[in-house]
Amino acid sequence: MSRRRAVVALLGVVLCGSAFAGDLRVSVVDAAGHPLKDAVIYLQGGAPMAAPAPAPAVIDQVHKQFVPQVSVIQVGSAVSFPNNDQIRHSVYSFSEAKPFTLKLYAGKPPGPVVFDKPGVVVLGCNIHDQMAAWVVVVDTPYFGKTDANGDLSVQGVKPGTYELVAWYPMMEQGPTLQPVTLQSAEVQRRIQLPVTPLAGGG
C-alpha cells in the first residue's frame, strides 16, 4: 500500500470511529426542583475501553474550606492539597477507598496523594471540624460534575449500554443508577436527586 493510501485509510478509521461516538447531556435538579451544582455523573459498564492517563487534580484550602468541596477523578489520579490559608491544616481520610493523613502544614505539602481505588473518599481537617470535602474516584473515562445550571455534557462516548450513576454528598439511599444506551446521536437525561445543596457550594 502506498503511503498516501495508508494515510487515507488511517484517516477513514479515525473519522469512522468519531462518527459513531455518542454524547450524553444530563440535567440534575435537587429535591425542590432547582438546578443542582456539583452533582457527580459517570458511566460504568459498557464495552471495554482504553482510558486516557489520569489527570492531576488540586484541592485547595481557603478560608477554612476545601475548594472544591466535590471532586471527581479517575483511578490513579494524583491530587495536590495546597494550603492557601494563613493557618496550618491537617488533611485526613478514613475512607476505605483511600485512608491517609497529611500532618499539620502550611503552604505546600511534601507531595500529592495518589487515589488508586474507586470509591467515595471523605476529607476532613483534624483542626477545623467544619471543613469537609468529597472525592469520587471512578474507573471510567466518562465522568464529570454539573455546572451552576445543573448541566453536564459527556462527549465522545463509545457506543453501548451503560449504567448512568448520579451522586451527591449525603445521599441517604446512595447513588441513583439508570441504564442508558448511546449510539451516534445525543442522549438527554433529567435526574432529580433527593438532596439539598451543600452550604456554600463549590
N, C-alpha and C. Protein backbone atom coordinates (compact mmCIF):
# COMPACT_ATOMS: atom_id res chain seq x y z
N MET A 1 0.85 -1.19 0.00
CA MET A 1 0.00 0.00 0.00
C MET A 1 0.89 1.24 0.00
N SER A 2 0.54 2.20 -0.87
CA SER A 2 1.32 3.42 -0.93
C SER A 2 1.12 4.23 0.35
N ARG A 3 2.08 5.14 0.56
CA ARG A 3 1.99 5.98 1.77
C ARG A 3 0.72 6.80 1.77
N ARG A 4 0.36 7.33 0.58
CA ARG A 4 -0.84 8.16 0.50
C ARG A 4 -2.09 7.35 0.83
N ARG A 5 -2.18 6.13 0.29
CA ARG A 5 -3.35 5.29 0.55
C ARG A 5 -3.41 4.90 2.03
N ALA A 6 -2.25 4.67 2.62
CA ALA A 6 -2.21 4.32 4.03
C ALA A 6 -2.72 5.46 4.90
N VAL A 7 -2.32 6.69 4.55
CA VAL A 7 -2.78 7.85 5.31
C VAL A 7 -4.28 8.02 5.17
N VAL A 8 -4.79 7.85 3.95
CA VAL A 8 -6.22 7.99 3.71
C VAL A 8 -6.99 6.93 4.48
N ALA A 9 -6.47 5.70 4.50
CA ALA A 9 -7.13 4.61 5.22
C ALA A 9 -7.16 4.90 6.72
N LEU A 10 -6.05 5.38 7.25
CA LEU A 10 -5.98 5.69 8.67
C LEU A 10 -6.95 6.81 9.03
N LEU A 11 -7.01 7.85 8.19
CA LEU A 11 -7.93 8.96 8.42
C LEU A 11 -9.36 8.47 8.41
N GLY A 12 -9.66 7.53 7.50
CA GLY A 12 -11.00 6.99 7.43
C GLY A 12 -11.38 6.26 8.71
N VAL A 13 -10.42 5.53 9.30
CA VAL A 13 -10.69 4.82 10.56
C VAL A 13 -10.98 5.82 11.67
N VAL A 14 -10.19 6.89 11.73
CA VAL A 14 -10.38 7.90 12.76
C VAL A 14 -11.74 8.56 12.63
N LEU A 15 -12.08 8.96 11.40
CA LEU A 15 -13.35 9.62 11.18
C LEU A 15 -14.51 8.69 11.45
N CYS A 16 -14.35 7.44 11.06
CA CYS A 16 -15.41 6.46 11.28
C CYS A 16 -15.64 6.27 12.76
N GLY A 17 -14.54 6.15 13.52
CA GLY A 17 -14.66 5.96 14.96
C GLY A 17 -15.34 7.12 15.62
N SER A 18 -14.97 8.34 15.23
CA SER A 18 -15.57 9.51 15.86
C SER A 18 -17.02 9.68 15.46
N ALA A 19 -17.37 9.25 14.23
CA ALA A 19 -18.75 9.39 13.76
C ALA A 19 -19.71 8.55 14.58
N PHE A 20 -19.21 7.46 15.17
CA PHE A 20 -20.08 6.57 15.91
C PHE A 20 -20.02 6.83 17.42
N ALA A 21 -19.36 7.90 17.83
CA ALA A 21 -19.34 8.25 19.24
C ALA A 21 -20.62 9.00 19.60
N GLY A 22 -21.12 8.78 20.81
CA GLY A 22 -22.33 9.45 21.25
C GLY A 22 -22.05 10.48 22.31
N ASP A 23 -22.97 11.41 22.50
CA ASP A 23 -22.86 12.44 23.53
C ASP A 23 -24.01 12.29 24.51
N LEU A 24 -23.68 12.49 25.77
CA LEU A 24 -24.69 12.41 26.83
C LEU A 24 -24.83 13.77 27.48
N ARG A 25 -26.05 14.27 27.53
CA ARG A 25 -26.33 15.54 28.21
C ARG A 25 -27.26 15.24 29.39
N VAL A 26 -26.83 15.67 30.56
CA VAL A 26 -27.58 15.39 31.79
C VAL A 26 -27.92 16.70 32.49
N SER A 27 -29.17 16.81 32.94
CA SER A 27 -29.61 17.94 33.77
C SER A 27 -30.05 17.37 35.11
N VAL A 28 -29.51 17.93 36.19
CA VAL A 28 -29.80 17.43 37.53
C VAL A 28 -30.44 18.54 38.36
N VAL A 29 -31.51 18.17 39.07
CA VAL A 29 -32.18 19.11 39.97
C VAL A 29 -32.21 18.51 41.37
N ASP A 30 -32.39 19.40 42.38
CA ASP A 30 -32.44 18.93 43.76
C ASP A 30 -33.87 18.55 44.15
N ALA A 31 -34.08 18.30 45.44
CA ALA A 31 -35.39 17.85 45.90
C ALA A 31 -36.48 18.88 45.64
N ALA A 32 -36.09 20.16 45.57
CA ALA A 32 -37.07 21.22 45.32
C ALA A 32 -37.24 21.53 43.83
N GLY A 33 -36.52 20.82 42.98
CA GLY A 33 -36.62 21.05 41.55
C GLY A 33 -35.70 22.12 41.02
N HIS A 34 -34.77 22.61 41.84
CA HIS A 34 -33.83 23.64 41.40
C HIS A 34 -32.57 23.01 40.83
N PRO A 35 -31.91 23.66 39.87
CA PRO A 35 -30.67 23.12 39.30
C PRO A 35 -29.65 22.83 40.40
N LEU A 36 -29.00 21.68 40.31
CA LEU A 36 -28.07 21.23 41.34
C LEU A 36 -26.64 21.26 40.82
N LYS A 37 -25.85 22.15 41.38
CA LYS A 37 -24.43 22.25 41.02
C LYS A 37 -23.63 21.16 41.73
N ASP A 38 -22.57 20.69 41.08
CA ASP A 38 -21.60 19.75 41.67
C ASP A 38 -22.16 18.36 41.90
N ALA A 39 -23.21 17.97 41.20
CA ALA A 39 -23.63 16.57 41.21
C ALA A 39 -22.65 15.79 40.33
N VAL A 40 -22.21 14.65 40.82
CA VAL A 40 -21.25 13.82 40.07
C VAL A 40 -22.02 12.86 39.18
N ILE A 41 -21.63 12.83 37.91
CA ILE A 41 -22.24 11.93 36.93
C ILE A 41 -21.13 11.10 36.28
N TYR A 42 -21.35 9.79 36.16
CA TYR A 42 -20.40 8.98 35.40
C TYR A 42 -21.09 7.75 34.83
N LEU A 43 -20.47 7.18 33.82
CA LEU A 43 -20.98 5.99 33.16
C LEU A 43 -20.10 4.80 33.51
N GLN A 44 -20.72 3.70 33.88
CA GLN A 44 -19.95 2.49 34.15
C GLN A 44 -20.52 1.34 33.33
N GLY A 45 -19.69 0.31 33.12
CA GLY A 45 -20.10 -0.80 32.29
C GLY A 45 -19.84 -0.51 30.83
N GLY A 46 -20.63 -1.10 29.95
CA GLY A 46 -20.40 -0.91 28.52
C GLY A 46 -19.25 -1.76 28.03
N ALA A 47 -18.82 -1.51 26.81
CA ALA A 47 -17.74 -2.26 26.21
C ALA A 47 -16.41 -1.88 26.85
N PRO A 48 -15.44 -2.81 26.87
CA PRO A 48 -14.11 -2.45 27.39
C PRO A 48 -13.55 -1.25 26.64
N MET A 49 -12.88 -0.38 27.38
CA MET A 49 -12.38 0.84 26.77
C MET A 49 -10.99 1.15 27.29
N ALA A 50 -10.21 1.83 26.46
CA ALA A 50 -8.88 2.26 26.87
C ALA A 50 -9.01 3.65 27.47
N ALA A 51 -8.84 3.75 28.78
CA ALA A 51 -8.99 5.04 29.45
C ALA A 51 -7.73 5.88 29.27
N PRO A 52 -7.88 7.18 29.08
CA PRO A 52 -6.71 8.05 28.98
C PRO A 52 -5.99 8.10 30.32
N ALA A 53 -4.76 8.56 30.30
CA ALA A 53 -4.00 8.68 31.54
C ALA A 53 -4.72 9.62 32.50
N PRO A 54 -4.79 9.27 33.78
CA PRO A 54 -5.49 10.15 34.72
C PRO A 54 -4.80 11.51 34.85
N ALA A 55 -5.61 12.53 34.94
CA ALA A 55 -5.07 13.90 35.04
C ALA A 55 -4.88 14.28 36.50
N PRO A 56 -3.85 15.06 36.81
CA PRO A 56 -3.67 15.53 38.18
C PRO A 56 -4.79 16.48 38.58
N ALA A 57 -5.03 16.59 39.88
CA ALA A 57 -6.08 17.47 40.39
C ALA A 57 -5.55 18.24 41.59
N VAL A 58 -6.27 19.31 41.92
CA VAL A 58 -5.89 20.16 43.05
C VAL A 58 -7.11 20.40 43.93
N ILE A 59 -6.96 20.20 45.23
CA ILE A 59 -7.99 20.59 46.20
C ILE A 59 -7.33 21.57 47.16
N ASP A 60 -7.73 22.82 47.05
CA ASP A 60 -7.11 23.91 47.81
C ASP A 60 -7.77 24.02 49.20
N GLN A 61 -7.16 24.82 50.04
CA GLN A 61 -7.72 25.14 51.35
C GLN A 61 -7.70 26.66 51.51
N VAL A 62 -8.91 27.24 51.50
CA VAL A 62 -9.06 28.70 51.51
C VAL A 62 -10.17 29.07 52.48
N HIS A 63 -9.90 30.00 53.39
CA HIS A 63 -10.89 30.46 54.37
C HIS A 63 -11.50 29.28 55.15
N LYS A 64 -10.65 28.37 55.53
CA LYS A 64 -11.06 27.18 56.31
C LYS A 64 -12.10 26.34 55.57
N GLN A 65 -11.95 26.26 54.25
CA GLN A 65 -12.79 25.41 53.43
C GLN A 65 -11.95 24.71 52.37
N PHE A 66 -12.37 23.50 52.02
CA PHE A 66 -11.76 22.84 50.87
C PHE A 66 -12.38 23.40 49.60
N VAL A 67 -11.55 23.64 48.60
CA VAL A 67 -12.01 24.17 47.32
C VAL A 67 -11.38 23.36 46.19
N PRO A 68 -12.21 22.60 45.45
CA PRO A 68 -13.66 22.46 45.54
C PRO A 68 -14.08 21.50 46.66
N GLN A 69 -15.34 21.60 47.06
CA GLN A 69 -15.86 20.66 48.05
C GLN A 69 -16.10 19.29 47.45
N VAL A 70 -16.45 19.24 46.18
CA VAL A 70 -16.74 17.98 45.49
C VAL A 70 -15.81 17.85 44.29
N SER A 71 -15.12 16.72 44.19
CA SER A 71 -14.25 16.44 43.05
C SER A 71 -14.58 15.05 42.52
N VAL A 72 -14.38 14.87 41.22
CA VAL A 72 -14.49 13.54 40.63
C VAL A 72 -13.25 13.33 39.76
N ILE A 73 -12.56 12.22 40.01
CA ILE A 73 -11.28 11.94 39.35
C ILE A 73 -11.23 10.48 38.93
N GLN A 74 -10.30 10.17 38.03
CA GLN A 74 -10.08 8.79 37.63
C GLN A 74 -9.16 8.08 38.61
N VAL A 75 -9.31 6.76 38.67
CA VAL A 75 -8.38 5.94 39.45
C VAL A 75 -6.95 6.22 38.98
N GLY A 76 -6.05 6.41 39.92
CA GLY A 76 -4.66 6.69 39.60
C GLY A 76 -4.31 8.16 39.57
N SER A 77 -5.30 9.04 39.77
CA SER A 77 -5.04 10.47 39.76
C SER A 77 -4.25 10.90 41.00
N ALA A 78 -3.33 11.83 40.79
CA ALA A 78 -2.57 12.42 41.89
C ALA A 78 -3.19 13.76 42.25
N VAL A 79 -3.53 13.92 43.52
CA VAL A 79 -4.20 15.14 43.98
C VAL A 79 -3.28 15.92 44.91
N SER A 80 -3.10 17.19 44.62
CA SER A 80 -2.30 18.08 45.46
C SER A 80 -3.22 18.84 46.41
N PHE A 81 -2.73 19.12 47.62
CA PHE A 81 -3.53 19.79 48.64
C PHE A 81 -2.80 21.04 49.15
N PRO A 82 -2.68 22.07 48.32
CA PRO A 82 -2.04 23.30 48.81
C PRO A 82 -2.87 23.96 49.90
N ASN A 83 -2.21 24.61 50.82
CA ASN A 83 -2.87 25.34 51.89
C ASN A 83 -2.62 26.83 51.68
N ASN A 84 -3.64 27.55 51.22
CA ASN A 84 -3.51 28.98 50.98
C ASN A 84 -4.11 29.83 52.09
N ASP A 85 -4.37 29.21 53.24
CA ASP A 85 -4.75 29.96 54.42
C ASP A 85 -3.50 30.45 55.16
N GLN A 86 -3.70 31.34 56.09
CA GLN A 86 -2.60 31.84 56.92
C GLN A 86 -2.44 30.99 58.18
N ILE A 87 -3.16 29.90 58.25
CA ILE A 87 -3.06 28.97 59.38
C ILE A 87 -2.78 27.58 58.83
N ARG A 88 -2.33 26.69 59.70
CA ARG A 88 -1.99 25.34 59.26
C ARG A 88 -3.22 24.44 59.27
N HIS A 89 -3.21 23.46 58.37
CA HIS A 89 -4.27 22.47 58.30
C HIS A 89 -3.65 21.07 58.30
N SER A 90 -4.50 20.09 58.66
CA SER A 90 -4.12 18.69 58.57
C SER A 90 -5.22 17.96 57.82
N VAL A 91 -4.91 17.42 56.65
CA VAL A 91 -5.92 16.77 55.81
C VAL A 91 -5.89 15.26 56.08
N TYR A 92 -7.09 14.68 56.25
CA TYR A 92 -7.13 13.24 56.51
C TYR A 92 -8.35 12.62 55.84
N SER A 93 -8.30 11.29 55.71
CA SER A 93 -9.44 10.50 55.26
C SER A 93 -9.39 9.14 55.94
N PHE A 94 -10.55 8.69 56.44
CA PHE A 94 -10.68 7.35 56.98
C PHE A 94 -11.43 6.44 56.01
N SER A 95 -11.71 6.93 54.81
CA SER A 95 -12.49 6.17 53.84
C SER A 95 -11.72 4.96 53.33
N GLU A 96 -12.45 3.87 53.11
CA GLU A 96 -11.83 2.63 52.67
C GLU A 96 -11.10 2.80 51.34
N ALA A 97 -11.65 3.62 50.46
CA ALA A 97 -11.03 3.79 49.14
C ALA A 97 -9.67 4.48 49.21
N LYS A 98 -9.45 5.31 50.24
CA LYS A 98 -8.15 6.00 50.37
C LYS A 98 -7.96 6.58 51.77
N PRO A 99 -7.50 5.76 52.71
CA PRO A 99 -7.16 6.33 54.02
C PRO A 99 -5.79 6.98 53.96
N PHE A 100 -5.67 8.19 54.50
CA PHE A 100 -4.37 8.87 54.53
C PHE A 100 -4.45 10.04 55.50
N THR A 101 -3.29 10.56 55.87
CA THR A 101 -3.21 11.73 56.73
C THR A 101 -2.04 12.60 56.29
N LEU A 102 -2.31 13.88 56.11
CA LEU A 102 -1.26 14.88 55.91
C LEU A 102 -1.16 15.68 57.20
N LYS A 103 -0.06 15.55 57.89
CA LYS A 103 0.10 16.22 59.18
C LYS A 103 0.11 17.73 58.99
N LEU A 104 -0.06 18.44 60.10
CA LEU A 104 -0.17 19.90 60.07
C LEU A 104 0.89 20.54 59.17
N TYR A 105 0.42 21.41 58.26
CA TYR A 105 1.36 22.07 57.36
C TYR A 105 0.76 23.39 56.87
N ALA A 106 1.62 24.24 56.36
CA ALA A 106 1.23 25.47 55.69
C ALA A 106 1.86 25.46 54.31
N GLY A 107 1.25 26.18 53.36
CA GLY A 107 1.80 26.20 52.01
C GLY A 107 1.57 24.89 51.29
N LYS A 108 2.63 24.30 50.77
CA LYS A 108 2.51 23.06 50.01
C LYS A 108 2.96 21.86 50.84
N PRO A 109 2.20 20.75 50.81
CA PRO A 109 2.64 19.52 51.48
C PRO A 109 3.79 18.90 50.70
N PRO A 110 4.44 17.86 51.26
CA PRO A 110 5.59 17.26 50.58
C PRO A 110 5.30 16.77 49.16
N GLY A 111 4.12 16.25 48.90
CA GLY A 111 3.81 15.74 47.57
C GLY A 111 2.34 15.43 47.44
N PRO A 112 1.87 15.10 46.22
CA PRO A 112 0.46 14.78 46.02
C PRO A 112 0.09 13.42 46.58
N VAL A 113 -1.20 13.18 46.70
CA VAL A 113 -1.73 11.90 47.15
C VAL A 113 -2.34 11.20 45.95
N VAL A 114 -1.95 9.95 45.71
CA VAL A 114 -2.48 9.18 44.57
C VAL A 114 -3.69 8.38 45.03
N PHE A 115 -4.80 8.56 44.37
CA PHE A 115 -6.04 7.84 44.68
C PHE A 115 -6.12 6.63 43.76
N ASP A 116 -5.82 5.47 44.30
CA ASP A 116 -5.60 4.28 43.47
C ASP A 116 -6.74 3.26 43.50
N LYS A 117 -7.86 3.58 44.15
CA LYS A 117 -9.01 2.68 44.18
C LYS A 117 -10.29 3.47 43.93
N PRO A 118 -11.26 2.86 43.25
CA PRO A 118 -12.54 3.56 43.05
C PRO A 118 -13.33 3.63 44.36
N GLY A 119 -14.14 4.65 44.48
CA GLY A 119 -14.98 4.82 45.66
C GLY A 119 -15.11 6.27 46.04
N VAL A 120 -15.85 6.51 47.11
CA VAL A 120 -16.04 7.86 47.63
C VAL A 120 -15.11 8.08 48.81
N VAL A 121 -14.33 9.16 48.76
CA VAL A 121 -13.39 9.49 49.82
C VAL A 121 -13.85 10.79 50.48
N VAL A 122 -14.05 10.74 51.78
CA VAL A 122 -14.47 11.91 52.53
C VAL A 122 -13.24 12.52 53.21
N LEU A 123 -13.04 13.81 53.00
CA LEU A 123 -11.88 14.51 53.56
C LEU A 123 -12.29 15.38 54.74
N GLY A 124 -11.36 15.53 55.68
CA GLY A 124 -11.58 16.42 56.80
C GLY A 124 -10.27 17.03 57.24
N CYS A 125 -10.37 17.94 58.20
CA CYS A 125 -9.19 18.57 58.80
C CYS A 125 -9.24 18.29 60.30
N ASN A 126 -8.15 17.79 60.86
CA ASN A 126 -8.11 17.45 62.28
C ASN A 126 -8.26 18.67 63.18
N ILE A 127 -8.00 19.85 62.65
CA ILE A 127 -8.03 21.07 63.45
C ILE A 127 -9.36 21.82 63.32
N HIS A 128 -9.96 21.78 62.12
CA HIS A 128 -11.17 22.55 61.85
C HIS A 128 -12.29 21.60 61.44
N ASP A 129 -13.19 21.32 62.38
CA ASP A 129 -14.24 20.32 62.15
C ASP A 129 -15.21 20.71 61.05
N GLN A 130 -15.34 22.01 60.76
CA GLN A 130 -16.30 22.43 59.74
C GLN A 130 -15.81 22.14 58.33
N MET A 131 -14.55 21.79 58.18
CA MET A 131 -14.00 21.53 56.85
C MET A 131 -14.35 20.11 56.40
N ALA A 132 -14.97 19.99 55.25
CA ALA A 132 -15.31 18.69 54.69
C ALA A 132 -15.29 18.78 53.17
N ALA A 133 -14.89 17.68 52.55
CA ALA A 133 -14.90 17.61 51.08
C ALA A 133 -15.06 16.15 50.69
N TRP A 134 -15.46 15.95 49.44
CA TRP A 134 -15.71 14.61 48.93
C TRP A 134 -14.98 14.43 47.60
N VAL A 135 -14.33 13.28 47.45
CA VAL A 135 -13.65 12.93 46.21
C VAL A 135 -14.24 11.62 45.71
N VAL A 136 -14.85 11.65 44.54
CA VAL A 136 -15.40 10.44 43.92
C VAL A 136 -14.37 9.93 42.92
N VAL A 137 -13.86 8.74 43.17
CA VAL A 137 -12.82 8.15 42.33
C VAL A 137 -13.49 7.10 41.43
N VAL A 138 -13.41 7.28 40.12
CA VAL A 138 -14.13 6.42 39.18
C VAL A 138 -13.17 5.69 38.26
N ASP A 139 -13.61 4.51 37.82
CA ASP A 139 -12.81 3.69 36.92
C ASP A 139 -13.43 3.73 35.52
N THR A 140 -13.54 4.93 34.98
CA THR A 140 -14.14 5.15 33.67
C THR A 140 -13.66 6.49 33.13
N PRO A 141 -13.54 6.64 31.81
CA PRO A 141 -13.18 7.95 31.26
C PRO A 141 -14.38 8.87 31.07
N TYR A 142 -15.59 8.38 31.36
CA TYR A 142 -16.81 9.15 31.12
C TYR A 142 -17.36 9.65 32.45
N PHE A 143 -17.03 10.87 32.81
CA PHE A 143 -17.45 11.39 34.10
C PHE A 143 -17.40 12.92 34.09
N GLY A 144 -17.99 13.53 35.11
CA GLY A 144 -17.93 14.98 35.25
C GLY A 144 -18.83 15.45 36.37
N LYS A 145 -18.86 16.78 36.57
CA LYS A 145 -19.72 17.43 37.56
C LYS A 145 -20.65 18.40 36.86
N THR A 146 -21.84 18.56 37.41
CA THR A 146 -22.76 19.53 36.84
C THR A 146 -22.32 20.95 37.15
N ASP A 147 -22.66 21.88 36.25
CA ASP A 147 -22.30 23.28 36.43
C ASP A 147 -23.37 24.00 37.25
N ALA A 148 -23.29 25.33 37.31
CA ALA A 148 -24.22 26.12 38.12
C ALA A 148 -25.66 25.97 37.65
N ASN A 149 -25.85 25.57 36.40
CA ASN A 149 -27.20 25.36 35.86
C ASN A 149 -27.67 23.91 36.01
N GLY A 150 -26.87 23.10 36.69
CA GLY A 150 -27.22 21.70 36.87
C GLY A 150 -26.97 20.84 35.65
N ASP A 151 -26.18 21.34 34.70
CA ASP A 151 -25.99 20.64 33.43
C ASP A 151 -24.58 20.04 33.31
N LEU A 152 -24.50 18.97 32.57
CA LEU A 152 -23.22 18.32 32.25
C LEU A 152 -23.32 17.68 30.87
N SER A 153 -22.27 17.80 30.08
CA SER A 153 -22.19 17.14 28.78
C SER A 153 -20.98 16.21 28.78
N VAL A 154 -21.22 14.93 28.53
CA VAL A 154 -20.15 13.93 28.39
C VAL A 154 -20.07 13.57 26.92
N GLN A 155 -18.99 13.93 26.27
CA GLN A 155 -18.90 13.79 24.82
C GLN A 155 -17.99 12.62 24.42
N GLY A 156 -18.25 12.13 23.22
CA GLY A 156 -17.40 11.11 22.64
C GLY A 156 -17.49 9.76 23.32
N VAL A 157 -18.70 9.36 23.75
CA VAL A 157 -18.87 8.09 24.44
C VAL A 157 -18.94 6.95 23.42
N LYS A 158 -18.17 5.91 23.66
CA LYS A 158 -18.18 4.75 22.78
C LYS A 158 -19.57 4.11 22.80
N PRO A 159 -20.13 3.73 21.64
CA PRO A 159 -21.47 3.15 21.60
C PRO A 159 -21.61 1.95 22.52
N GLY A 160 -22.76 1.85 23.17
CA GLY A 160 -23.01 0.73 24.05
C GLY A 160 -24.06 1.08 25.09
N THR A 161 -24.39 0.11 25.92
CA THR A 161 -25.33 0.31 27.02
C THR A 161 -24.55 0.42 28.32
N TYR A 162 -24.81 1.49 29.05
CA TYR A 162 -24.07 1.78 30.27
C TYR A 162 -25.04 1.93 31.44
N GLU A 163 -24.47 2.02 32.62
CA GLU A 163 -25.21 2.38 33.80
C GLU A 163 -24.84 3.82 34.14
N LEU A 164 -25.81 4.71 34.11
CA LEU A 164 -25.59 6.11 34.43
C LEU A 164 -25.71 6.27 35.94
N VAL A 165 -24.66 6.76 36.56
CA VAL A 165 -24.63 6.92 38.02
C VAL A 165 -24.66 8.41 38.35
N ALA A 166 -25.56 8.80 39.24
CA ALA A 166 -25.65 10.17 39.73
C ALA A 166 -25.42 10.16 41.23
N TRP A 167 -24.51 11.01 41.70
CA TRP A 167 -24.13 11.01 43.12
C TRP A 167 -24.03 12.44 43.62
N TYR A 168 -24.37 12.61 44.91
CA TYR A 168 -24.22 13.90 45.57
C TYR A 168 -23.96 13.62 47.05
N PRO A 169 -23.18 14.48 47.73
CA PRO A 169 -22.88 14.22 49.13
C PRO A 169 -24.12 14.01 49.99
N MET A 170 -24.00 13.07 50.92
CA MET A 170 -25.01 12.81 51.95
C MET A 170 -26.33 12.31 51.37
N MET A 171 -26.27 11.58 50.26
CA MET A 171 -27.46 10.92 49.75
C MET A 171 -27.74 9.70 50.61
N GLU A 172 -28.87 9.69 51.31
CA GLU A 172 -29.16 8.64 52.27
C GLU A 172 -29.28 7.27 51.62
N GLN A 173 -29.81 7.20 50.42
CA GLN A 173 -30.02 5.92 49.76
C GLN A 173 -28.92 5.58 48.76
N GLY A 174 -27.83 6.31 48.81
CA GLY A 174 -26.74 6.04 47.88
C GLY A 174 -27.00 6.63 46.51
N PRO A 175 -26.08 6.40 45.57
CA PRO A 175 -26.23 6.99 44.23
C PRO A 175 -27.41 6.41 43.47
N THR A 176 -27.95 7.19 42.55
CA THR A 176 -29.01 6.68 41.68
C THR A 176 -28.38 6.08 40.43
N LEU A 177 -28.99 5.03 39.93
CA LEU A 177 -28.49 4.34 38.75
C LEU A 177 -29.62 4.13 37.76
N GLN A 178 -29.31 4.29 36.49
CA GLN A 178 -30.28 4.01 35.44
C GLN A 178 -29.55 3.61 34.17
N PRO A 179 -30.10 2.67 33.40
CA PRO A 179 -29.44 2.27 32.15
C PRO A 179 -29.57 3.34 31.09
N VAL A 180 -28.56 3.46 30.26
CA VAL A 180 -28.60 4.41 29.15
C VAL A 180 -27.83 3.81 27.98
N THR A 181 -28.41 3.90 26.80
CA THR A 181 -27.76 3.38 25.59
C THR A 181 -27.38 4.54 24.69
N LEU A 182 -26.13 4.58 24.30
CA LEU A 182 -25.63 5.65 23.42
C LEU A 182 -25.18 5.06 22.10
N GLN A 183 -25.55 5.73 21.02
CA GLN A 183 -25.09 5.37 19.70
C GLN A 183 -24.39 6.60 19.12
N SER A 184 -24.76 7.01 17.93
CA SER A 184 -24.10 8.16 17.31
C SER A 184 -24.87 9.46 17.54
N ALA A 185 -25.99 9.39 18.24
CA ALA A 185 -26.80 10.59 18.47
C ALA A 185 -26.65 11.05 19.91
N GLU A 186 -27.16 12.22 20.19
CA GLU A 186 -27.11 12.76 21.55
C GLU A 186 -28.25 12.18 22.37
N VAL A 187 -27.95 11.82 23.59
CA VAL A 187 -28.95 11.31 24.52
C VAL A 187 -29.07 12.29 25.68
N GLN A 188 -30.29 12.59 26.08
CA GLN A 188 -30.51 13.54 27.18
C GLN A 188 -31.22 12.83 28.33
N ARG A 189 -30.83 13.22 29.54
CA ARG A 189 -31.45 12.68 30.74
C ARG A 189 -31.67 13.80 31.75
N ARG A 190 -32.79 13.73 32.45
CA ARG A 190 -33.06 14.66 33.55
C ARG A 190 -33.17 13.84 34.81
N ILE A 191 -32.44 14.22 35.85
CA ILE A 191 -32.39 13.45 37.08
C ILE A 191 -32.72 14.37 38.26
N GLN A 192 -33.61 13.90 39.13
CA GLN A 192 -33.90 14.63 40.36
C GLN A 192 -33.35 13.84 41.53
N LEU A 193 -32.53 14.48 42.34
CA LEU A 193 -31.92 13.82 43.49
C LEU A 193 -32.57 14.32 44.77
N PRO A 194 -32.83 13.42 45.73
CA PRO A 194 -33.50 13.81 46.98
C PRO A 194 -32.53 14.45 47.96
N VAL A 195 -31.98 15.60 47.58
CA VAL A 195 -30.96 16.25 48.40
C VAL A 195 -31.20 17.76 48.43
N THR A 196 -30.55 18.42 49.38
CA THR A 196 -30.48 19.88 49.40
C THR A 196 -29.04 20.26 49.12
N PRO A 197 -28.80 21.39 48.44
CA PRO A 197 -27.44 21.75 48.06
C PRO A 197 -26.54 21.98 49.28
N LEU A 198 -25.26 21.73 49.11
CA LEU A 198 -24.29 22.00 50.15
C LEU A 198 -24.25 23.49 50.44
N ALA A 199 -24.04 23.83 51.68
CA ALA A 199 -23.90 25.24 52.05
C ALA A 199 -22.63 25.78 51.44
N GLY A 200 -22.73 26.85 50.70
CA GLY A 200 -21.55 27.45 50.08
C GLY A 200 -21.27 26.92 48.70
N GLY A 201 -21.54 25.60 48.47
CA GLY A 201 -21.29 25.00 47.17
C GLY A 201 -19.82 25.05 46.82
N GLY A 202 -19.52 24.69 45.54
CA GLY A 202 -18.14 24.74 45.07
C GLY A 202 -17.31 23.62 45.54
